[in-house]
All heavy atoms as atom14 arrays in JSON, in Angstrom:
{
  "sequence": "QASTGISHIYERLPAGASKHVNLSPVPEGLLLCDYLSHESDAAMALQ",
  "atom14_mask": [
    [1, 1, 1, 1, 1, 1, 1, 1, 1, 0, 0, 0, 0, 0],
    [1, 1, 1, 1, 1, 0, 0, 0, 0, 0, 0, 0, 0, 0],
    [1, 1, 1, 1, 1, 1, 0, 0, 0, 0, 0, 0, 0, 0],
    [1, 1, 1, 1, 1, 1, 1, 0, 0, 0, 0, 0, 0, 0],
    [1, 1, 1, 1, 0, 0, 0, 0, 0, 0, 0, 0, 0, 0],
    [1, 1, 1, 1, 1, 1, 1, 1, 0, 0, 0, 0, 0, 0],
    [1, 1, 1, 1, 1, 1, 0, 0, 0, 0, 0, 0, 0, 0],
    [1, 1, 1, 1, 1, 1, 1, 1, 1, 1, 0, 0, 0, 0],
    [1, 1, 1, 1, 1, 1, 1, 1, 0, 0, 0, 0, 0, 0],
    [1, 1, 1, 1, 1, 1, 1, 1, 1, 1, 1, 1, 0, 0],
    [1, 1, 1, 1, 1, 1, 1, 1, 1, 0, 0, 0, 0, 0],
    [1, 1, 1, 1, 1, 1, 1, 1, 1, 1, 1, 0, 0, 0],
    [1, 1, 1, 1, 1, 1, 1, 1, 0, 0, 0, 0, 0, 0],
    [1, 1, 1, 1, 1, 1, 1, 0, 0, 0, 0, 0, 0, 0],
    [1, 1, 1, 1, 1, 0, 0, 0, 0, 0, 0, 0, 0, 0],
    [1, 1, 1, 1, 0, 0, 0, 0, 0, 0, 0, 0, 0, 0],
    [1, 1, 1, 1, 1, 0, 0, 0, 0, 0, 0, 0, 0, 0],
    [1, 1, 1, 1, 1, 1, 0, 0, 0, 0, 0, 0, 0, 0],
    [1, 1, 1, 1, 1, 1, 1, 1, 1, 0, 0, 0, 0, 0],
    [1, 1, 1, 1, 1, 1, 1, 1, 1, 1, 0, 0, 0, 0],
    [1, 1, 1, 1, 1, 1, 1, 0, 0, 0, 0, 0, 0, 0],
    [1, 1, 1, 1, 1, 1, 1, 1, 0, 0, 0, 0, 0, 0],
    [1, 1, 1, 1, 1, 1, 1, 1, 0, 0, 0, 0, 0, 0],
    [1, 1, 1, 1, 1, 1, 0, 0, 0, 0, 0, 0, 0, 0],
    [1, 1, 1, 1, 1, 1, 1, 0, 0, 0, 0, 0, 0, 0],
    [1, 1, 1, 1, 1, 1, 1, 0, 0, 0, 0, 0, 0, 0],
    [1, 1, 1, 1, 1, 1, 1, 0, 0, 0, 0, 0, 0, 0],
    [1, 1, 1, 1, 1, 1, 1, 1, 1, 0, 0, 0, 0, 0],
    [1, 1, 1, 1, 0, 0, 0, 0, 0, 0, 0, 0, 0, 0],
    [1, 1, 1, 1, 1, 1, 1, 1, 0, 0, 0, 0, 0, 0],
    [1, 1, 1, 1, 1, 1, 1, 1, 0, 0, 0, 0, 0, 0],
    [1, 1, 1, 1, 1, 1, 1, 1, 0, 0, 0, 0, 0, 0],
    [1, 1, 1, 1, 1, 1, 0, 0, 0, 0, 0, 0, 0, 0],
    [1, 1, 1, 1, 1, 1, 1, 1, 0, 0, 0, 0, 0, 0],
    [1, 1, 1, 1, 1, 1, 1, 1, 1, 1, 1, 1, 0, 0],
    [1, 1, 1, 1, 1, 1, 1, 1, 0, 0, 0, 0, 0, 0],
    [1, 1, 1, 1, 1, 1, 0, 0, 0, 0, 0, 0, 0, 0],
    [1, 1, 1, 1, 1, 1, 1, 1, 1, 1, 0, 0, 0, 0],
    [1, 1, 1, 1, 1, 1, 1, 1, 1, 0, 0, 0, 0, 0],
    [1, 1, 1, 1, 1, 1, 0, 0, 0, 0, 0, 0, 0, 0],
    [1, 1, 1, 1, 1, 1, 1, 1, 0, 0, 0, 0, 0, 0],
    [1, 1, 1, 1, 1, 0, 0, 0, 0, 0, 0, 0, 0, 0],
    [1, 1, 1, 1, 1, 0, 0, 0, 0, 0, 0, 0, 0, 0],
    [1, 1, 1, 1, 1, 1, 1, 1, 0, 0, 0, 0, 0, 0],
    [1, 1, 1, 1, 1, 0, 0, 0, 0, 0, 0, 0, 0, 0],
    [1, 1, 1, 1, 1, 1, 1, 1, 0, 0, 0, 0, 0, 0],
    [1, 1, 1, 1, 1, 1, 1, 1, 1, 0, 0, 0, 0, 0]
  ],
  "atom14_positions": [
    [[0.22, 12.96, -8.96], [-0.89, 12.21, -8.7], [-0.75, 11.22, -7.4], [-1.72, 10.44, -7.14], [-1.22, 11.32, -9.88], [-1.48, 12.11, -11.23], [-2.81, 12.94, -10.97], [-3.87, 12.53, -10.45], [-2.82, 14.21, -11.45], [0.0, 0.0, 0.0], [0.0, 0.0, 0.0], [0.0, 0.0, 0.0], [0.0, 0.0, 0.0], [0.0, 0.0, 0.0]],
    [[0.32, 11.19, -6.83], [0.69, 10.22, -5.79], [-0.35, 10.18, -4.61], [-0.77, 9.03, -4.28], [2.05, 10.46, -5.25], [0.0, 0.0, 0.0], [0.0, 0.0, 0.0], [0.0, 0.0, 0.0], [0.0, 0.0, 0.0], [0.0, 0.0, 0.0], [0.0, 0.0, 0.0], [0.0, 0.0, 0.0], [0.0, 0.0, 0.0], [0.0, 0.0, 0.0]],
    [[-0.76, 11.3, -4.1], [-1.59, 11.25, -2.92], [-3.01, 10.67, -3.3], [-3.58, 9.84, -2.54], [-1.77, 12.6, -2.22], [-2.37, 13.49, -3.08], [0.0, 0.0, 0.0], [0.0, 0.0, 0.0], [0.0, 0.0, 0.0], [0.0, 0.0, 0.0], [0.0, 0.0, 0.0], [0.0, 0.0, 0.0], [0.0, 0.0, 0.0], [0.0, 0.0, 0.0]],
    [[-3.56, 10.97, -4.48], [-4.77, 10.56, -4.84], [-4.66, 9.08, -5.24], [-5.47, 8.2, -4.76], [-5.26, 11.32, -6.19], [-5.42, 12.63, -5.87], [-6.61, 10.69, -6.63], [0.0, 0.0, 0.0], [0.0, 0.0, 0.0], [0.0, 0.0, 0.0], [0.0, 0.0, 0.0], [0.0, 0.0, 0.0], [0.0, 0.0, 0.0], [0.0, 0.0, 0.0]],
    [[-3.63, 8.67, -5.79], [-3.32, 7.2, -6.2], [-3.2, 6.39, -5.07], [-3.73, 5.28, -5.01], [0.0, 0.0, 0.0], [0.0, 0.0, 0.0], [0.0, 0.0, 0.0], [0.0, 0.0, 0.0], [0.0, 0.0, 0.0], [0.0, 0.0, 0.0], [0.0, 0.0, 0.0], [0.0, 0.0, 0.0], [0.0, 0.0, 0.0], [0.0, 0.0, 0.0]],
    [[-2.42, 6.89, -4.04], [-2.19, 6.04, -2.8], [-3.52, 5.91, -2.11], [-3.79, 4.73, -1.64], [-1.15, 6.7, -1.98], [0.21, 6.57, -2.62], [-1.23, 6.13, -0.58], [1.36, 7.46, -1.99], [0.0, 0.0, 0.0], [0.0, 0.0, 0.0], [0.0, 0.0, 0.0], [0.0, 0.0, 0.0], [0.0, 0.0, 0.0], [0.0, 0.0, 0.0]],
    [[-4.38, 6.92, -2.07], [-5.73, 6.77, -1.42], [-6.54, 5.69, -2.16], [-7.2, 4.72, -1.45], [-6.56, 8.06, -1.46], [-5.79, 8.99, -0.69], [0.0, 0.0, 0.0], [0.0, 0.0, 0.0], [0.0, 0.0, 0.0], [0.0, 0.0, 0.0], [0.0, 0.0, 0.0], [0.0, 0.0, 0.0], [0.0, 0.0, 0.0], [0.0, 0.0, 0.0]],
    [[-6.53, 5.64, -3.49], [-7.26, 4.7, -4.26], [-6.69, 3.22, -4.03], [-7.54, 2.28, -3.85], [-7.21, 4.95, -5.64], [-8.12, 6.12, -6.07], [-9.56, 6.18, -6.08], [-7.75, 7.43, -6.43], [-9.94, 7.36, -6.3], [-8.91, 8.11, -6.62], [0.0, 0.0, 0.0], [0.0, 0.0, 0.0], [0.0, 0.0, 0.0], [0.0, 0.0, 0.0]],
    [[-5.45, 3.09, -3.82], [-4.78, 1.69, -3.61], [-5.25, 1.3, -2.26], [-5.71, 0.18, -2.05], [-3.25, 1.89, -3.72], [-2.82, 2.1, -5.05], [-2.64, 0.58, -3.14], [-1.46, 2.56, -5.27], [0.0, 0.0, 0.0], [0.0, 0.0, 0.0], [0.0, 0.0, 0.0], [0.0, 0.0, 0.0], [0.0, 0.0, 0.0], [0.0, 0.0, 0.0]],
    [[-5.26, 2.21, -1.2], [-5.71, 1.76, 0.14], [-7.15, 1.29, 0.14], [-7.44, 0.35, 0.89], [-5.46, 2.96, 1.19], [-4.08, 3.14, 1.56], [-3.62, 4.37, 1.77], [-3.26, 2.13, 1.95], [-2.31, 4.61, 2.25], [-1.93, 2.33, 2.32], [-1.44, 3.58, 2.54], [-0.23, 3.72, 2.95], [0.0, 0.0, 0.0], [0.0, 0.0, 0.0]],
    [[-7.9, 1.96, -0.66], [-9.41, 1.66, -0.7], [-9.62, 0.29, -1.19], [-10.59, -0.46, -0.95], [-10.17, 2.68, -1.58], [-10.32, 4.07, -0.89], [-10.85, 5.1, -1.91], [-11.16, 4.73, -3.02], [-10.83, 6.26, -1.5], [0.0, 0.0, 0.0], [0.0, 0.0, 0.0], [0.0, 0.0, 0.0], [0.0, 0.0, 0.0], [0.0, 0.0, 0.0]],
    [[-8.73, -0.18, -2.07], [-8.92, -1.48, -2.8], [-8.18, -2.64, -1.98], [-8.25, -3.75, -2.52], [-8.36, -1.38, -4.17], [-9.13, -0.4, -5.03], [-8.71, -0.2, -6.39], [-8.8, -1.45, -7.05], [-8.04, -1.8, -8.15], [-7.15, -1.02, -8.63], [-8.29, -2.92, -8.83], [0.0, 0.0, 0.0], [0.0, 0.0, 0.0], [0.0, 0.0, 0.0]],
    [[-7.55, -2.42, -0.81], [-6.95, -3.51, -0.06], [-8.07, -4.1, 0.8], [-8.99, -3.51, 1.22], [-5.76, -2.85, 0.84], [-4.66, -2.35, -0.01], [-3.65, -1.76, 0.88], [-4.03, -3.39, -0.87], [0.0, 0.0, 0.0], [0.0, 0.0, 0.0], [0.0, 0.0, 0.0], [0.0, 0.0, 0.0], [0.0, 0.0, 0.0], [0.0, 0.0, 0.0]],
    [[-7.65, -5.32, 1.3], [-8.6, -6.01, 2.23], [-8.68, -5.2, 3.45], [-7.82, -4.54, 3.89], [-7.98, -7.32, 2.42], [-7.02, -7.58, 1.25], [-6.57, -6.22, 0.83], [0.0, 0.0, 0.0], [0.0, 0.0, 0.0], [0.0, 0.0, 0.0], [0.0, 0.0, 0.0], [0.0, 0.0, 0.0], [0.0, 0.0, 0.0], [0.0, 0.0, 0.0]],
    [[-9.8, -5.44, 4.2], [-10.16, -4.69, 5.48], [-8.87, -4.98, 6.38], [-8.49, -6.15, 6.54], [-11.35, -5.26, 6.11], [0.0, 0.0, 0.0], [0.0, 0.0, 0.0], [0.0, 0.0, 0.0], [0.0, 0.0, 0.0], [0.0, 0.0, 0.0], [0.0, 0.0, 0.0], [0.0, 0.0, 0.0], [0.0, 0.0, 0.0], [0.0, 0.0, 0.0]],
    [[-8.44, -4.01, 6.95], [-7.35, -4.0, 7.96], [-6.01, -4.03, 7.42], [-5.01, -3.73, 8.09], [0.0, 0.0, 0.0], [0.0, 0.0, 0.0], [0.0, 0.0, 0.0], [0.0, 0.0, 0.0], [0.0, 0.0, 0.0], [0.0, 0.0, 0.0], [0.0, 0.0, 0.0], [0.0, 0.0, 0.0], [0.0, 0.0, 0.0], [0.0, 0.0, 0.0]],
    [[-5.82, -4.33, 6.07], [-4.51, -4.27, 5.46], [-3.83, -2.88, 5.54], [-2.69, -2.8, 5.69], [-4.51, -4.85, 4.07], [0.0, 0.0, 0.0], [0.0, 0.0, 0.0], [0.0, 0.0, 0.0], [0.0, 0.0, 0.0], [0.0, 0.0, 0.0], [0.0, 0.0, 0.0], [0.0, 0.0, 0.0], [0.0, 0.0, 0.0], [0.0, 0.0, 0.0]],
    [[-4.68, -1.9, 5.44], [-4.08, -0.51, 5.28], [-3.44, -0.16, 6.72], [-2.68, 0.83, 6.7], [-5.15, 0.46, 4.85], [-6.09, 0.46, 5.8], [0.0, 0.0, 0.0], [0.0, 0.0, 0.0], [0.0, 0.0, 0.0], [0.0, 0.0, 0.0], [0.0, 0.0, 0.0], [0.0, 0.0, 0.0], [0.0, 0.0, 0.0], [0.0, 0.0, 0.0]],
    [[-3.71, -0.88, 7.75], [-3.08, -0.55, 9.02], [-1.64, -1.02, 9.06], [-0.82, -0.5, 9.86], [-3.84, -1.21, 10.12], [-5.23, -0.81, 10.34], [-5.89, -1.6, 11.51], [-7.34, -1.06, 11.64], [-8.1, -1.91, 12.55], [0.0, 0.0, 0.0], [0.0, 0.0, 0.0], [0.0, 0.0, 0.0], [0.0, 0.0, 0.0], [0.0, 0.0, 0.0]],
    [[-1.23, -1.95, 8.13], [0.11, -2.55, 8.16], [0.9, -2.15, 6.83], [2.06, -2.54, 6.76], [-0.11, -3.99, 8.33], [-0.79, -4.4, 9.57], [-0.43, -4.19, 10.76], [-2.02, -5.02, 9.7], [-1.3, -4.6, 11.7], [-2.25, -5.08, 11.01], [0.0, 0.0, 0.0], [0.0, 0.0, 0.0], [0.0, 0.0, 0.0], [0.0, 0.0, 0.0]],
    [[0.19, -1.69, 5.9], [0.81, -1.4, 4.68], [1.06, 0.19, 4.48], [0.12, 0.91, 4.83], [0.0, -1.82, 3.45], [0.63, -1.43, 2.13], [-0.15, -3.35, 3.53], [0.0, 0.0, 0.0], [0.0, 0.0, 0.0], [0.0, 0.0, 0.0], [0.0, 0.0, 0.0], [0.0, 0.0, 0.0], [0.0, 0.0, 0.0], [0.0, 0.0, 0.0]],
    [[2.24, 0.54, 4.16], [2.62, 2.0, 3.97], [2.98, 2.21, 2.58], [4.02, 1.59, 2.16], [3.64, 2.49, 5.04], [3.82, 3.91, 4.87], [2.91, 4.73, 4.67], [5.1, 4.31, 5.0], [0.0, 0.0, 0.0], [0.0, 0.0, 0.0], [0.0, 0.0, 0.0], [0.0, 0.0, 0.0], [0.0, 0.0, 0.0], [0.0, 0.0, 0.0]],
    [[2.38, 3.07, 1.86], [2.84, 3.58, 0.53], [3.11, 4.95, 0.73], [2.35, 5.75, 1.2], [1.72, 3.34, -0.48], [1.51, 1.99, -0.99], [0.09, 1.88, -1.56], [2.49, 1.62, -2.0], [0.0, 0.0, 0.0], [0.0, 0.0, 0.0], [0.0, 0.0, 0.0], [0.0, 0.0, 0.0], [0.0, 0.0, 0.0], [0.0, 0.0, 0.0]],
    [[4.32, 5.4, 0.21], [4.6, 6.81, 0.16], [5.39, 7.1, -1.08], [6.18, 6.32, -1.6], [5.52, 7.13, 1.46], [6.65, 6.24, 1.55], [0.0, 0.0, 0.0], [0.0, 0.0, 0.0], [0.0, 0.0, 0.0], [0.0, 0.0, 0.0], [0.0, 0.0, 0.0], [0.0, 0.0, 0.0], [0.0, 0.0, 0.0], [0.0, 0.0, 0.0]],
    [[5.15, 8.36, -1.46], [5.91, 8.84, -2.71], [7.51, 9.02, -2.36], [7.77, 9.42, -1.31], [5.36, 10.17, -3.1], [4.59, 10.54, -1.85], [4.25, 9.4, -1.04], [0.0, 0.0, 0.0], [0.0, 0.0, 0.0], [0.0, 0.0, 0.0], [0.0, 0.0, 0.0], [0.0, 0.0, 0.0], [0.0, 0.0, 0.0], [0.0, 0.0, 0.0]],
    [[8.2, 8.59, -3.32], [9.74, 8.91, -3.23], [10.12, 9.48, -4.64], [9.33, 9.39, -5.64], [10.47, 7.52, -2.93], [10.22, 7.11, -1.52], [10.24, 6.47, -3.9], [0.0, 0.0, 0.0], [0.0, 0.0, 0.0], [0.0, 0.0, 0.0], [0.0, 0.0, 0.0], [0.0, 0.0, 0.0], [0.0, 0.0, 0.0], [0.0, 0.0, 0.0]],
    [[11.29, 10.05, -4.77], [11.64, 10.6, -6.0], [11.54, 9.73, -7.27], [11.17, 10.12, -8.31], [13.05, 11.08, -5.78], [13.15, 11.35, -4.36], [12.32, 10.34, -3.73], [0.0, 0.0, 0.0], [0.0, 0.0, 0.0], [0.0, 0.0, 0.0], [0.0, 0.0, 0.0], [0.0, 0.0, 0.0], [0.0, 0.0, 0.0], [0.0, 0.0, 0.0]],
    [[11.77, 8.38, -6.99], [11.78, 7.5, -8.08], [10.43, 6.91, -8.48], [10.19, 6.33, -9.5], [12.65, 6.24, -7.81], [14.12, 6.57, -7.54], [14.46, 6.89, -6.12], [13.57, 6.89, -5.27], [15.64, 7.17, -5.87], [0.0, 0.0, 0.0], [0.0, 0.0, 0.0], [0.0, 0.0, 0.0], [0.0, 0.0, 0.0], [0.0, 0.0, 0.0]],
    [[9.47, 7.06, -7.51], [8.17, 6.47, -7.77], [7.41, 6.31, -6.42], [6.95, 7.33, -5.92], [0.0, 0.0, 0.0], [0.0, 0.0, 0.0], [0.0, 0.0, 0.0], [0.0, 0.0, 0.0], [0.0, 0.0, 0.0], [0.0, 0.0, 0.0], [0.0, 0.0, 0.0], [0.0, 0.0, 0.0], [0.0, 0.0, 0.0], [0.0, 0.0, 0.0]],
    [[7.21, 5.14, -5.96], [6.61, 4.84, -4.66], [7.43, 3.84, -3.83], [8.18, 3.04, -4.37], [5.28, 4.16, -4.91], [4.19, 4.91, -5.56], [2.92, 4.06, -5.77], [3.75, 6.19, -4.74], [0.0, 0.0, 0.0], [0.0, 0.0, 0.0], [0.0, 0.0, 0.0], [0.0, 0.0, 0.0], [0.0, 0.0, 0.0], [0.0, 0.0, 0.0]],
    [[7.34, 3.97, -2.49], [7.9, 3.13, -1.57], [6.83, 2.4, -0.95], [5.82, 2.94, -0.37], [8.76, 3.79, -0.65], [9.33, 3.02, 0.55], [10.47, 2.07, -0.01], [9.97, 3.84, 1.74], [0.0, 0.0, 0.0], [0.0, 0.0, 0.0], [0.0, 0.0, 0.0], [0.0, 0.0, 0.0], [0.0, 0.0, 0.0], [0.0, 0.0, 0.0]],
    [[6.96, 1.04, -0.97], [5.93, 0.19, -0.34], [6.64, -0.55, 0.91], [7.63, -1.2, 0.68], [5.45, -0.91, -1.3], [4.52, -1.99, -0.7], [3.16, -1.55, -0.5], [4.68, -3.3, -1.53], [0.0, 0.0, 0.0], [0.0, 0.0, 0.0], [0.0, 0.0, 0.0], [0.0, 0.0, 0.0], [0.0, 0.0, 0.0], [0.0, 0.0, 0.0]],
    [[6.02, -0.38, 2.04], [6.58, -1.04, 3.38], [5.37, -1.85, 3.9], [4.28, -1.29, 4.0], [7.07, -0.04, 4.24], [8.3, 1.04, 3.69], [0.0, 0.0, 0.0], [0.0, 0.0, 0.0], [0.0, 0.0, 0.0], [0.0, 0.0, 0.0], [0.0, 0.0, 0.0], [0.0, 0.0, 0.0], [0.0, 0.0, 0.0], [0.0, 0.0, 0.0]],
    [[5.66, -3.09, 4.23], [4.73, -3.92, 4.91], [5.39, -4.81, 5.89], [6.31, -5.59, 5.52], [3.95, -4.73, 3.78], [2.9, -5.59, 4.41], [3.3, -6.58, 5.19], [1.7, -5.48, 4.12], [0.0, 0.0, 0.0], [0.0, 0.0, 0.0], [0.0, 0.0, 0.0], [0.0, 0.0, 0.0], [0.0, 0.0, 0.0], [0.0, 0.0, 0.0]],
    [[5.06, -4.72, 7.09], [5.77, -5.5, 8.12], [4.85, -6.5, 8.88], [5.37, -7.48, 9.37], [6.38, -4.61, 9.19], [7.56, -3.8, 8.54], [7.37, -2.42, 8.29], [8.65, -4.41, 8.22], [8.35, -1.66, 7.76], [9.67, -3.66, 7.65], [9.54, -2.25, 7.39], [10.61, -1.54, 6.78], [0.0, 0.0, 0.0], [0.0, 0.0, 0.0]],
    [[3.59, -6.22, 8.96], [2.78, -7.07, 9.86], [1.61, -7.69, 9.2], [0.97, -8.58, 9.81], [2.21, -6.17, 10.94], [3.28, -5.41, 11.83], [2.7, -4.45, 12.76], [4.06, -6.54, 12.61], [0.0, 0.0, 0.0], [0.0, 0.0, 0.0], [0.0, 0.0, 0.0], [0.0, 0.0, 0.0], [0.0, 0.0, 0.0], [0.0, 0.0, 0.0]],
    [[1.31, -7.42, 7.91], [0.11, -8.09, 7.34], [0.36, -9.41, 6.83], [1.58, -9.88, 6.64], [-0.48, -7.11, 6.27], [0.31, -7.05, 5.06], [0.0, 0.0, 0.0], [0.0, 0.0, 0.0], [0.0, 0.0, 0.0], [0.0, 0.0, 0.0], [0.0, 0.0, 0.0], [0.0, 0.0, 0.0], [0.0, 0.0, 0.0], [0.0, 0.0, 0.0]],
    [[-0.65, -10.11, 6.38], [-0.48, -11.45, 5.8], [0.2, -11.28, 4.48], [0.11, -10.18, 3.69], [-1.78, -12.06, 5.58], [-1.82, -13.41, 5.22], [-1.64, -13.91, 3.89], [-1.83, -14.65, 5.99], [-1.57, -15.18, 3.9], [-1.69, -15.7, 5.06], [0.0, 0.0, 0.0], [0.0, 0.0, 0.0], [0.0, 0.0, 0.0], [0.0, 0.0, 0.0]],
    [[1.03, -12.3, 4.05], [1.76, -12.2, 2.72], [0.78, -11.77, 1.6], [1.19, -11.18, 0.64], [2.5, -13.51, 2.49], [3.64, -13.68, 3.44], [4.34, -14.94, 3.16], [3.98, -15.76, 2.21], [5.38, -15.17, 3.78], [0.0, 0.0, 0.0], [0.0, 0.0, 0.0], [0.0, 0.0, 0.0], [0.0, 0.0, 0.0], [0.0, 0.0, 0.0]],
    [[-0.44, -12.41, 1.64], [-1.27, -12.12, 0.39], [-1.71, -10.67, 0.43], [-1.9, -10.09, -0.63], [-2.57, -12.97, 0.5], [-3.35, -12.77, 1.6], [0.0, 0.0, 0.0], [0.0, 0.0, 0.0], [0.0, 0.0, 0.0], [0.0, 0.0, 0.0], [0.0, 0.0, 0.0], [0.0, 0.0, 0.0], [0.0, 0.0, 0.0], [0.0, 0.0, 0.0]],
    [[-1.85, -10.05, 1.65], [-2.19, -8.66, 1.65], [-1.06, -7.74, 1.1], [-1.23, -6.77, 0.38], [-2.53, -8.18, 3.1], [-3.81, -8.76, 3.55], [-4.53, -9.28, 2.71], [-4.04, -8.72, 4.77], [0.0, 0.0, 0.0], [0.0, 0.0, 0.0], [0.0, 0.0, 0.0], [0.0, 0.0, 0.0], [0.0, 0.0, 0.0], [0.0, 0.0, 0.0]],
    [[0.22, -8.11, 1.4], [1.34, -7.49, 0.93], [1.5, -7.54, -0.57], [1.72, -6.64, -1.36], [2.64, -7.95, 1.64], [0.0, 0.0, 0.0], [0.0, 0.0, 0.0], [0.0, 0.0, 0.0], [0.0, 0.0, 0.0], [0.0, 0.0, 0.0], [0.0, 0.0, 0.0], [0.0, 0.0, 0.0], [0.0, 0.0, 0.0], [0.0, 0.0, 0.0]],
    [[1.14, -8.86, -1.1], [1.26, -9.04, -2.54], [0.19, -8.25, -3.27], [0.34, -7.66, -4.27], [1.06, -10.52, -2.82], [0.0, 0.0, 0.0], [0.0, 0.0, 0.0], [0.0, 0.0, 0.0], [0.0, 0.0, 0.0], [0.0, 0.0, 0.0], [0.0, 0.0, 0.0], [0.0, 0.0, 0.0], [0.0, 0.0, 0.0], [0.0, 0.0, 0.0]],
    [[-1.07, -8.16, -2.65], [-2.03, -7.37, -3.27], [-1.69, -5.81, -3.28], [-2.01, -5.22, -4.16], [-3.4, -7.56, -2.47], [-4.64, -6.91, -3.16], [-6.15, -7.23, -2.37], [-6.36, -8.98, -2.73], [0.0, 0.0, 0.0], [0.0, 0.0, 0.0], [0.0, 0.0, 0.0], [0.0, 0.0, 0.0], [0.0, 0.0, 0.0], [0.0, 0.0, 0.0]],
    [[-1.17, -5.29, -2.19], [-0.74, -3.99, -2.17], [0.33, -3.7, -3.23], [0.32, -2.71, -3.94], [-0.16, -3.6, -0.88], [0.0, 0.0, 0.0], [0.0, 0.0, 0.0], [0.0, 0.0, 0.0], [0.0, 0.0, 0.0], [0.0, 0.0, 0.0], [0.0, 0.0, 0.0], [0.0, 0.0, 0.0], [0.0, 0.0, 0.0], [0.0, 0.0, 0.0]],
    [[1.22, -4.53, -3.35], [2.28, -4.49, -4.44], [1.61, -4.48, -5.82], [1.96, -3.63, -6.67], [3.27, -5.63, -4.26], [4.46, -5.59, -5.34], [5.2, -4.38, -5.32], [5.29, -6.85, -5.18], [0.0, 0.0, 0.0], [0.0, 0.0, 0.0], [0.0, 0.0, 0.0], [0.0, 0.0, 0.0], [0.0, 0.0, 0.0], [0.0, 0.0, 0.0]],
    [[0.68, -5.46, -6.0], [0.08, -5.53, -7.29], [-0.76, -4.24, -7.69], [-0.57, -3.67, -8.67], [-0.88, -6.7, -7.36], [-1.72, -6.76, -8.65], [-2.74, -7.87, -8.6], [-3.05, -8.45, -7.52], [-3.23, -8.32, -9.76], [0.0, 0.0, 0.0], [0.0, 0.0, 0.0], [0.0, 0.0, 0.0], [0.0, 0.0, 0.0], [0.0, 0.0, 0.0]]
  ]
}
């Protein structure tokens, strides 16, 4: 379900956050990388 789930997560992030947040499937679950967005956007992506 990862690709569908990741798409839904991106849709629910604030405008522009998806440009700086990367979610990708890994064998254990998901990898979340965020380097440039505001801390609140990173926290929302994690949540």
